[in-house]
Amino acid sequence: MGIETQKYSLTDDERSLWEENGYFLRYNVFTKEENDVLAQIADDIVDRKRSFPEYHIFENALVRDGKADAEGIYAIHNIQYVSCNCREFLDRTRDPRLIDPAADILGPDLLGLNNLYIWKPPKIGLGFPWHQDKWYFNHQYKTGTTVATWTAIDDADEENGCLYVIPGSHKQGVREHNELEGSQQGEFRRAEGARDEDGIPIEVPAGSVIWFNSQVLHKSTDNHSERFRRANVAHYINAKAEWTRPEAVNKKRPPMWIRGKTYPAMGDEVQHDIIPIIESD
């Protein structure tokens, strides 16, 4: 059987940008109508019109701490795993427009992990500090590069809190990450030595996608506008990855099969389809 033809493979210029800067972007990857479907499902979860496990939901720190009077969900993790009529999120995670370039970088056998849908509402939407995804993933997986895809659901610019990156920082290894002070999302840490003056904003219209290396330093800023800045994020790893601590595997957030083969080191834990919601006691 021949190798699968990839319609959305990397161009030579994109490969060069990936190697030199650690990221590249494409415009007009998804239509407004396609993104509106995801946005409506996510909003239905916020409005409790769809059941969804609380352990996947992260609340805005200002709302959580009583500093803002608003509905304040910050992000939903692994929305594509759970059967709340969220098949569209699983399909998006496996969309060749996202995974063809990832397969060119990682190889044909792919798993997905730590996918999330992010709200950044007007005025209270918080940014996150300089960090490297690889620092987090090193606590879970023995793997090389992972690839993140960041899809703009809304136009993203400096005013409403777009992504910033430090080009070429993926070549400098994984830095130590320190705890934050004050009111901030508890899952974040700040990379040592990352400087704002080295970063550049990536302003993109809705429907664009940014692919970036897991070792690239990146951040976003607070939303100071009257507009939302929502994004759908999907991370991919080579299916030959292994658990860093097999005895501590989080059964609630297994890796998801994306394409190709699975392997014994992780195969028993790979999720192939959405799973039913199990309400906690």
Foldseek 3Di string as FASTA:
>chain_A
DDDDDQPQEDDPVQVVQCVFFFKDKDAQLDDLVLLVVVVVVVVCVLVVVFDDDPVQWFFQLCVVVVNDPDSTTFKGWPPQAEPRVVVSVVCVLQPSNPCNHVCVVANFWKWWFGWMKGKAAEPRGFKAAWAFQVVVCVQWKDADKKKKKKAWSAFDDQQFKAKKWQTPQLVVDHADWAADDDGDGRVGTHGPPDDPVRIDGDTGGHNMMMMGIRRIIMMIGHNNHNGMTMIIMMMMGHLPMATPDVVPDDLVTFIEGRGDDHDDRRVVRYHDHHDYDDDDD
